[in-house]
Amino acid sequence: MAKSKFKFDDRAVKKVVQQGVKKMADDLTRALNGLTVRYKGKSLEQIKPEIQRVWAKHSGGGSISDPELTQFAEQIQAGGRVTVRMK
């Protein structure tokens, strides 16, 4: 059997992952800010399900914690902008 000369590049993998996470955060930020026009001034009960829908769509089915959901909903309700940052 021939030996493989495959070498795992940990830094390259981390870089690709970080780029993917940044793109997802940017996509979520754009999509959530798109809700502001329609939901400014609406109740949190109307806004929260839309945030959850957008979050799941742009995160591959992921969910958002209730404190973050409420914070984003309040910003959208007030006509403000949100920024998604991944840790």
PDB file of N, CA and C in Angstrom:
ATOM      1  N   MET A   1       0.839  -1.174   0.000  1.00  0.00           N
ATOM      2  CA  MET A   1       0.000   0.000   0.000  1.00  0.00           C
ATOM      3  C   MET A   1       0.889   1.245   0.000  1.00  0.00           C
ATOM      4  N   ALA A   2       0.569   2.215  -0.854  1.00  0.00           N
ATOM      5  CA  ALA A   2       1.353   3.442  -0.970  1.00  0.00           C
ATOM      6  C   ALA A   2       1.048   4.374   0.190  1.00  0.00           C
ATOM      7  N   LYS A   3       2.083   5.035   0.653  1.00  0.00           N
ATOM      8  CA  LYS A   3       1.904   6.007   1.725  1.00  0.00           C
ATOM      9  C   LYS A   3       1.323   7.303   1.155  1.00  0.00           C
ATOM     10  N   SER A   4       0.443   7.890   1.892  1.00  0.00           N
ATOM     11  CA  SER A   4      -0.146   9.160   1.494  1.00  0.00           C
ATOM     12  C   SER A   4       0.711  10.289   2.044  1.00  0.00           C
ATOM     13  N   LYS A   5       0.866  11.338   1.263  1.00  0.00           N
ATOM     14  CA  LYS A   5       1.644  12.491   1.708  1.00  0.00           C
ATOM     15  C   LYS A   5       0.728  13.650   2.089  1.00  0.00           C
ATOM     16  N   PHE A   6      -0.479  13.293   2.493  1.00  0.00           N
ATOM     17  CA  PHE A   6      -1.447  14.302   2.904  1.00  0.00           C
ATOM     18  C   PHE A   6      -1.000  14.954   4.200  1.00  0.00           C
ATOM     19  N   LYS A   7      -1.011  16.256   4.215  1.00  0.00           N
ATOM     20  CA  LYS A   7      -0.668  17.004   5.421  1.00  0.00           C
ATOM     21  C   LYS A   7      -1.837  17.925   5.751  1.00  0.00           C
ATOM     22  N   PHE A   8      -2.366  17.805   6.931  1.00  0.00           N
ATOM     23  CA  PHE A   8      -3.494  18.593   7.377  1.00  0.00           C
ATOM     24  C   PHE A   8      -3.002  19.982   7.761  1.00  0.00           C
ATOM     25  N   ASP A   9      -3.569  21.010   7.152  1.00  0.00           N
ATOM     26  CA  ASP A   9      -3.183  22.393   7.425  1.00  0.00           C
ATOM     27  C   ASP A   9      -4.230  23.022   8.334  1.00  0.00           C
ATOM     28  N   ASP A  10      -3.984  22.966   9.624  1.00  0.00           N
ATOM     29  CA  ASP A  10      -4.928  23.457  10.625  1.00  0.00           C
ATOM     30  C   ASP A  10      -5.240  24.940  10.432  1.00  0.00           C
ATOM     31  N   ARG A  11      -4.244  25.733  10.132  1.00  0.00           N
ATOM     32  CA  ARG A  11      -4.469  27.172   9.937  1.00  0.00           C
ATOM     33  C   ARG A  11      -5.371  27.434   8.741  1.00  0.00           C
ATOM     34  N   ALA A  12      -5.176  26.698   7.669  1.00  0.00           N
ATOM     35  CA  ALA A  12      -6.000  26.889   6.476  1.00  0.00           C
ATOM     36  C   ALA A  12      -7.457  26.521   6.761  1.00  0.00           C
ATOM     37  N   VAL A  13      -7.656  25.445   7.505  1.00  0.00           N
ATOM     38  CA  VAL A  13      -9.016  25.030   7.849  1.00  0.00           C
ATOM     39  C   VAL A  13      -9.677  26.090   8.730  1.00  0.00           C
ATOM     40  N   LYS A  14      -8.968  26.593   9.719  1.00  0.00           N
ATOM     41  CA  LYS A  14      -9.509  27.634  10.593  1.00  0.00           C
ATOM     42  C   LYS A  14      -9.871  28.882   9.796  1.00  0.00           C
ATOM     43  N   LYS A  15      -9.038  29.233   8.833  1.00  0.00           N
ATOM     44  CA  LYS A  15      -9.300  30.417   8.013  1.00  0.00           C
ATOM     45  C   LYS A  15     -10.575  30.242   7.201  1.00  0.00           C
ATOM     46  N   VAL A  16     -10.744  29.081   6.601  1.00  0.00           N
ATOM     47  CA  VAL A  16     -11.944  28.808   5.800  1.00  0.00           C
ATOM     48  C   VAL A  16     -13.189  28.838   6.682  1.00  0.00           C
ATOM     49  N   VAL A  17     -13.093  28.248   7.862  1.00  0.00           N
ATOM     50  CA  VAL A  17     -14.222  28.244   8.794  1.00  0.00           C
ATOM     51  C   VAL A  17     -14.565  29.670   9.207  1.00  0.00           C
ATOM     52  N   GLN A  18     -13.555  30.470   9.540  1.00  0.00           N
ATOM     53  CA  GLN A  18     -13.795  31.857   9.944  1.00  0.00           C
ATOM     54  C   GLN A  18     -14.454  32.652   8.817  1.00  0.00           C
ATOM     55  N   GLN A  19     -14.024  32.414   7.589  1.00  0.00           N
ATOM     56  CA  GLN A  19     -14.625  33.103   6.446  1.00  0.00           C
ATOM     57  C   GLN A  19     -16.091  32.715   6.294  1.00  0.00           C
ATOM     58  N   GLY A  20     -16.391  31.430   6.484  1.00  0.00           N
ATOM     59  CA  GLY A  20     -17.771  30.962   6.392  1.00  0.00           C
ATOM     60  C   GLY A  20     -18.651  31.552   7.478  1.00  0.00           C
ATOM     61  N   VAL A  21     -18.121  31.626   8.682  1.00  0.00           N
ATOM     62  CA  VAL A  21     -18.865  32.192   9.803  1.00  0.00           C
ATOM     63  C   VAL A  21     -19.108  33.683   9.571  1.00  0.00           C
ATOM     64  N   LYS A  22     -18.100  34.394   9.069  1.00  0.00           N
ATOM     65  CA  LYS A  22     -18.265  35.823   8.788  1.00  0.00           C
ATOM     66  C   LYS A  22     -19.324  36.048   7.716  1.00  0.00           C
ATOM     67  N   LYS A  23     -19.304  35.222   6.672  1.00  0.00           N
ATOM     68  CA  LYS A  23     -20.311  35.347   5.606  1.00  0.00           C
ATOM     69  C   LYS A  23     -21.713  35.100   6.158  1.00  0.00           C
ATOM     70  N   MET A  24     -21.858  34.087   7.008  1.00  0.00           N
ATOM     71  CA  MET A  24     -23.163  33.803   7.576  1.00  0.00           C
ATOM     72  C   MET A  24     -23.632  34.976   8.445  1.00  0.00           C
ATOM     73  N   ALA A  25     -22.745  35.547   9.243  1.00  0.00           N
ATOM     74  CA  ALA A  25     -23.103  36.696  10.084  1.00  0.00           C
ATOM     75  C   ALA A  25     -23.505  37.890   9.220  1.00  0.00           C
ATOM     76  N   ASP A  26     -22.766  38.122   8.148  1.00  0.00           N
ATOM     77  CA  ASP A  26     -23.088  39.229   7.235  1.00  0.00           C
ATOM     78  C   ASP A  26     -24.449  39.007   6.572  1.00  0.00           C
ATOM     79  N   ASP A  27     -24.716  37.777   6.125  1.00  0.00           N
ATOM     80  CA  ASP A  27     -25.998  37.445   5.500  1.00  0.00           C
ATOM     81  C   ASP A  27     -27.148  37.631   6.493  1.00  0.00           C
ATOM     82  N   LEU A  28     -26.942  37.172   7.729  1.00  0.00           N
ATOM     83  CA  LEU A  28     -27.974  37.339   8.759  1.00  0.00           C
ATOM     84  C   LEU A  28     -28.219  38.809   9.058  1.00  0.00           C
ATOM     85  N   THR A  29     -27.160  39.589   9.153  1.00  0.00           N
ATOM     86  CA  THR A  29     -27.298  41.017   9.421  1.00  0.00           C
ATOM     87  C   THR A  29     -28.135  41.687   8.336  1.00  0.00           C
ATOM     88  N   ARG A  30     -27.814  41.404   7.065  1.00  0.00           N
ATOM     89  CA  ARG A  30     -28.563  41.992   5.948  1.00  0.00           C
ATOM     90  C   ARG A  30     -30.033  41.575   5.983  1.00  0.00           C
ATOM     91  N   ALA A  31     -30.273  40.287   6.183  1.00  0.00           N
ATOM     92  CA  ALA A  31     -31.646  39.778   6.174  1.00  0.00           C
ATOM     93  C   ALA A  31     -32.461  40.345   7.337  1.00  0.00           C
ATOM     94  N   LEU A  32     -31.867  40.408   8.510  1.00  0.00           N
ATOM     95  CA  LEU A  32     -32.591  40.940   9.665  1.00  0.00           C
ATOM     96  C   LEU A  32     -32.865  42.430   9.510  1.00  0.00           C
ATOM     97  N   ASN A  33     -31.913  43.171   8.987  1.00  0.00           N
ATOM     98  CA  ASN A  33     -32.143  44.593   8.764  1.00  0.00           C
ATOM     99  C   ASN A  33     -33.193  44.828   7.694  1.00  0.00           C
ATOM    100  N   GLY A  34     -33.368  43.864   6.808  1.00  0.00           N
ATOM    101  CA  GLY A  34     -34.428  43.950   5.805  1.00  0.00           C
ATOM    102  C   GLY A  34     -35.820  43.904   6.418  1.00  0.00           C
ATOM    103  N   LEU A  35     -35.933  43.401   7.633  1.00  0.00           N
ATOM    104  CA  LEU A  35     -37.229  43.338   8.313  1.00  0.00           C
ATOM    105  C   LEU A  35     -37.662  44.691   8.871  1.00  0.00           C
ATOM    106  N   THR A  36     -36.736  45.611   9.027  1.00  0.00           N
ATOM    107  CA  THR A  36     -37.029  46.893   9.685  1.00  0.00           C
ATOM    108  C   THR A  36     -38.122  47.671   8.961  1.00  0.00           C
ATOM    109  N   VAL A  37     -38.074  47.732   7.653  1.00  0.00           N
ATOM    110  CA  VAL A  37     -39.065  48.513   6.900  1.00  0.00           C
ATOM    111  C   VAL A  37     -40.482  48.001   7.180  1.00  0.00           C
ATOM    112  N   ARG A  38     -40.638  46.704   7.188  1.00  0.00           N
ATOM    113  CA  ARG A  38     -41.969  46.105   7.348  1.00  0.00           C
ATOM    114  C   ARG A  38     -42.423  46.066   8.814  1.00  0.00           C
ATOM    115  N   TYR A  39     -41.495  45.906   9.734  1.00  0.00           N
ATOM    116  CA  TYR A  39     -41.874  45.649  11.121  1.00  0.00           C
ATOM    117  C   TYR A  39     -41.601  46.797  12.094  1.00  0.00           C
ATOM    118  N   LYS A  40     -41.110  47.916  11.614  1.00  0.00           N
ATOM    119  CA  LYS A  40     -40.906  49.073  12.489  1.00  0.00           C
ATOM    120  C   LYS A  40     -42.246  49.460  13.120  1.00  0.00           C
ATOM    121  N   GLY A  41     -42.253  49.577  14.444  1.00  0.00           N
ATOM    122  CA  GLY A  41     -43.463  49.967  15.150  1.00  0.00           C
ATOM    123  C   GLY A  41     -44.430  48.837  15.452  1.00  0.00           C
ATOM    124  N   LYS A  42     -44.165  47.638  14.946  1.00  0.00           N
ATOM    125  CA  LYS A  42     -45.042  46.478  15.200  1.00  0.00           C
ATOM    126  C   LYS A  42     -44.725  45.886  16.569  1.00  0.00           C
ATOM    127  N   SER A  43     -45.589  45.009  17.022  1.00  0.00           N
ATOM    128  CA  SER A  43     -45.387  44.382  18.333  1.00  0.00           C
ATOM    129  C   SER A  43     -44.262  43.353  18.271  1.00  0.00           C
ATOM    130  N   LEU A  44     -43.635  43.130  19.419  1.00  0.00           N
ATOM    131  CA  LEU A  44     -42.571  42.126  19.500  1.00  0.00           C
ATOM    132  C   LEU A  44     -43.098  40.745  19.128  1.00  0.00           C
ATOM    133  N   GLU A  45     -44.360  40.468  19.444  1.00  0.00           N
ATOM    134  CA  GLU A  45     -44.959  39.178  19.118  1.00  0.00           C
ATOM    135  C   GLU A  45     -45.063  38.962  17.606  1.00  0.00           C
ATOM    136  N   GLN A  46     -45.157  40.038  16.843  1.00  0.00           N
ATOM    137  CA  GLN A  46     -45.182  39.937  15.380  1.00  0.00           C
ATOM    138  C   GLN A  46     -43.769  39.811  14.813  1.00  0.00           C
ATOM    139  N   ILE A  47     -42.830  40.465  15.446  1.00  0.00           N
ATOM    140  CA  ILE A  47     -41.465  40.526  14.923  1.00  0.00           C
ATOM    141  C   ILE A  47     -40.673  39.253  15.236  1.00  0.00           C
ATOM    142  N   LYS A  48     -40.794  38.739  16.433  1.00  0.00           N
ATOM    143  CA  LYS A  48     -39.982  37.597  16.858  1.00  0.00           C
ATOM    144  C   LYS A  48     -40.089  36.376  15.943  1.00  0.00           C
ATOM    145  N   PRO A  49     -41.298  35.976  15.514  1.00  0.00           N
ATOM    146  CA  PRO A  49     -41.358  34.810  14.614  1.00  0.00           C
ATOM    147  C   PRO A  49     -40.640  35.045  13.280  1.00  0.00           C
ATOM    148  N   GLU A  50     -40.673  36.281  12.809  1.00  0.00           N
ATOM    149  CA  GLU A  50     -39.978  36.600  11.552  1.00  0.00           C
ATOM    150  C   GLU A  50     -38.470  36.527  11.730  1.00  0.00           C
ATOM    151  N   ILE A  51     -37.989  36.997  12.866  1.00  0.00           N
ATOM    152  CA  ILE A  51     -36.553  36.898  13.143  1.00  0.00           C
ATOM    153  C   ILE A  51     -36.151  35.432  13.212  1.00  0.00           C
ATOM    154  N   GLN A  52     -36.949  34.621  13.899  1.00  0.00           N
ATOM    155  CA  GLN A  52     -36.646  33.191  13.999  1.00  0.00           C
ATOM    156  C   GLN A  52     -36.632  32.539  12.620  1.00  0.00           C
ATOM    157  N   ARG A  53     -37.583  32.917  11.770  1.00  0.00           N
ATOM    158  CA  ARG A  53     -37.644  32.355  10.411  1.00  0.00           C
ATOM    159  C   ARG A  53     -36.397  32.725   9.616  1.00  0.00           C
ATOM    160  N   VAL A  54     -36.036  34.001   9.653  1.00  0.00           N
ATOM    161  CA  VAL A  54     -34.858  34.476   8.925  1.00  0.00           C
ATOM    162  C   VAL A  54     -33.601  33.813   9.480  1.00  0.00           C
ATOM    163  N   TRP A  55     -33.517  33.713  10.793  1.00  0.00           N
ATOM    164  CA  TRP A  55     -32.342  33.118  11.430  1.00  0.00           C
ATOM    165  C   TRP A  55     -32.180  31.662  10.980  1.00  0.00           C
ATOM    166  N   ALA A  56     -33.265  30.905  11.024  1.00  0.00           N
ATOM    167  CA  ALA A  56     -33.208  29.489  10.631  1.00  0.00           C
ATOM    168  C   ALA A  56     -32.816  29.360   9.158  1.00  0.00           C
ATOM    169  N   LYS A  57     -33.369  30.216   8.324  1.00  0.00           N
ATOM    170  CA  LYS A  57     -33.089  30.161   6.883  1.00  0.00           C
ATOM    171  C   LYS A  57     -31.611  30.426   6.592  1.00  0.00           C
ATOM    172  N   HIS A  58     -31.042  31.413   7.243  1.00  0.00           N
ATOM    173  CA  HIS A  58     -29.675  31.830   6.937  1.00  0.00           C
ATOM    174  C   HIS A  58     -28.606  31.150   7.789  1.00  0.00           C
ATOM    175  N   SER A  59     -29.030  30.311   8.729  1.00  0.00           N
ATOM    176  CA  SER A  59     -28.049  29.613   9.562  1.00  0.00           C
ATOM    177  C   SER A  59     -28.151  28.099   9.415  1.00  0.00           C
ATOM    178  N   GLY A  60     -28.813  27.663   8.376  1.00  0.00           N
ATOM    179  CA  GLY A  60     -28.934  26.226   8.146  1.00  0.00           C
ATOM    180  C   GLY A  60     -29.816  25.537   9.169  1.00  0.00           C
ATOM    181  N   GLY A  61     -30.836  26.229   9.646  1.00  0.00           N
ATOM    182  CA  GLY A  61     -31.761  25.637  10.600  1.00  0.00           C
ATOM    183  C   GLY A  61     -31.441  25.936  12.044  1.00  0.00           C
ATOM    184  N   GLY A  62     -30.476  26.804  12.282  1.00  0.00           N
ATOM    185  CA  GLY A  62     -30.085  27.142  13.649  1.00  0.00           C
ATOM    186  C   GLY A  62     -31.143  27.960  14.365  1.00  0.00           C
ATOM    187  N   SER A  63     -30.961  28.114  15.653  1.00  0.00           N
ATOM    188  CA  SER A  63     -31.911  28.894  16.448  1.00  0.00           C
ATOM    189  C   SER A  63     -31.166  30.040  17.141  1.00  0.00           C
ATOM    190  N   ILE A  64     -31.931  30.960  17.642  1.00  0.00           N
ATOM    191  CA  ILE A  64     -31.400  32.139  18.317  1.00  0.00           C
ATOM    192  C   ILE A  64     -31.896  32.120  19.760  1.00  0.00           C
ATOM    193  N   SER A  65     -31.057  32.539  20.680  1.00  0.00           N
ATOM    194  CA  SER A  65     -31.454  32.537  22.096  1.00  0.00           C
ATOM    195  C   SER A  65     -32.509  33.624  22.335  1.00  0.00           C
ATOM    196  N   ASP A  66     -33.332  33.422  23.356  1.00  0.00           N
ATOM    197  CA  ASP A  66     -34.401  34.380  23.641  1.00  0.00           C
ATOM    198  C   ASP A  66     -33.882  35.777  23.951  1.00  0.00           C
ATOM    199  N   PRO A  67     -32.810  35.930  24.744  1.00  0.00           N
ATOM    200  CA  PRO A  67     -32.328  37.305  24.978  1.00  0.00           C
ATOM    201  C   PRO A  67     -31.898  38.017  23.685  1.00  0.00           C
ATOM    202  N   GLU A  68     -31.216  37.305  22.799  1.00  0.00           N
ATOM    203  CA  GLU A  68     -30.807  37.917  21.527  1.00  0.00           C
ATOM    204  C   GLU A  68     -32.021  38.200  20.648  1.00  0.00           C
ATOM    205  N   LEU A  69     -32.960  37.258  20.623  1.00  0.00           N
ATOM    206  CA  LEU A  69     -34.184  37.430  19.842  1.00  0.00           C
ATOM    207  C   LEU A  69     -34.912  38.698  20.278  1.00  0.00           C
ATOM    208  N   THR A  70     -35.060  38.872  21.567  1.00  0.00           N
ATOM    209  CA  THR A  70     -35.749  40.051  22.097  1.00  0.00           C
ATOM    210  C   THR A  70     -34.978  41.325  21.771  1.00  0.00           C
ATOM    211  N   GLN A  71     -33.665  41.280  21.921  1.00  0.00           N
ATOM    212  CA  GLN A  71     -32.838  42.459  21.626  1.00  0.00           C
ATOM    213  C   GLN A  71     -32.974  42.863  20.158  1.00  0.00           C
ATOM    214  N   PHE A  72     -32.877  41.894  19.255  1.00  0.00           N
ATOM    215  CA  PHE A  72     -33.024  42.202  17.833  1.00  0.00           C
ATOM    216  C   PHE A  72     -34.431  42.715  17.524  1.00  0.00           C
ATOM    217  N   ALA A  73     -35.433  42.086  18.124  1.00  0.00           N
ATOM    218  CA  ALA A  73     -36.821  42.502  17.881  1.00  0.00           C
ATOM    219  C   ALA A  73     -37.045  43.939  18.338  1.00  0.00           C
ATOM    220  N   GLU A  74     -36.487  44.297  19.485  1.00  0.00           N
ATOM    221  CA  GLU A  74     -36.639  45.663  19.987  1.00  0.00           C
ATOM    222  C   GLU A  74     -35.957  46.667  19.057  1.00  0.00           C
ATOM    223  N   GLN A  75     -34.794  46.313  18.525  1.00  0.00           N
ATOM    224  CA  GLN A  75     -34.091  47.203  17.590  1.00  0.00           C
ATOM    225  C   GLN A  75     -34.907  47.391  16.310  1.00  0.00           C
ATOM    226  N   ILE A  76     -35.436  46.299  15.786  1.00  0.00           N
ATOM    227  CA  ILE A  76     -36.238  46.371  14.553  1.00  0.00           C
ATOM    228  C   ILE A  76     -37.509  47.173  14.822  1.00  0.00           C
ATOM    229  N   GLN A  77     -38.149  46.933  15.943  1.00  0.00           N
ATOM    230  CA  GLN A  77     -39.365  47.649  16.322  1.00  0.00           C
ATOM    231  C   GLN A  77     -39.118  49.157  16.365  1.00  0.00           C
ATOM    232  N   ALA A  78     -37.946  49.552  16.856  1.00  0.00           N
ATOM    233  CA  ALA A  78     -37.603  50.972  16.984  1.00  0.00           C
ATOM    234  C   ALA A  78     -37.099  51.562  15.659  1.00  0.00           C
ATOM    235  N   GLY A  79     -36.976  50.729  14.639  1.00  0.00           N
ATOM    236  CA  GLY A  79     -36.498  51.220  13.342  1.00  0.00           C
ATOM    237  C   GLY A  79     -34.987  51.254  13.262  1.00  0.00           C
ATOM    238  N   GLY A  80     -34.327  50.618  14.211  1.00  0.00           N
ATOM    239  CA  GLY A  80     -32.871  50.600  14.237  1.00  0.00           C
ATOM    240  C   GLY A  80     -32.274  49.476  13.406  1.00  0.00           C
ATOM    241  N   ARG A  81     -30.978  49.389  13.451  1.00  0.00           N
ATOM    242  CA  ARG A  81     -30.259  48.363  12.718  1.00  0.00           C
ATOM    243  C   ARG A  81     -29.657  47.374  13.702  1.00  0.00           C
ATOM    244  N   VAL A  82     -29.494  46.148  13.242  1.00  0.00           N
ATOM    245  CA  VAL A  82     -28.861  45.113  14.061  1.00  0.00           C
ATOM    246  C   VAL A  82     -27.590  44.655  13.381  1.00  0.00           C
ATOM    247  N   THR A  83     -26.687  44.121  14.177  1.00  0.00           N
ATOM    248  CA  THR A  83     -25.459  43.542  13.659  1.00  0.00           C
ATOM    249  C   THR A  83     -25.279  42.190  14.323  1.00  0.00           C
ATOM    250  N   VAL A  84     -25.114  41.164  13.502  1.00  0.00           N
ATOM    251  CA  VAL A  84     -24.899  39.808  14.012  1.00  0.00           C
ATOM    252  C   VAL A  84     -23.400  39.570  14.061  1.00  0.00           C
ATOM    253  N   ARG A  85     -22.930  39.145  15.235  1.00  0.00           N
ATOM    254  CA  ARG A  85     -21.518  38.804  15.413  1.00  0.00           C
ATOM    255  C   ARG A  85     -21.442  37.380  15.944  1.00  0.00           C
ATOM    256  N   MET A  86     -20.661  36.588  15.298  1.00  0.00           N
ATOM    257  CA  MET A  86     -20.497  35.204  15.736  1.00  0.00           C
ATOM    258  C   MET A  86     -19.251  35.120  16.628  1.00  0.00           C
ATOM    259  N   LYS A  87     -19.342  34.328  17.665  1.00  0.00           N
ATOM    260  CA  LYS A  87     -18.222  34.168  18.582  1.00  0.00           C
ATOM    261  C   LYS A  87     -17.334  33.040  18.140  1.00  0.00           C
TER     262      LYS A  87
END
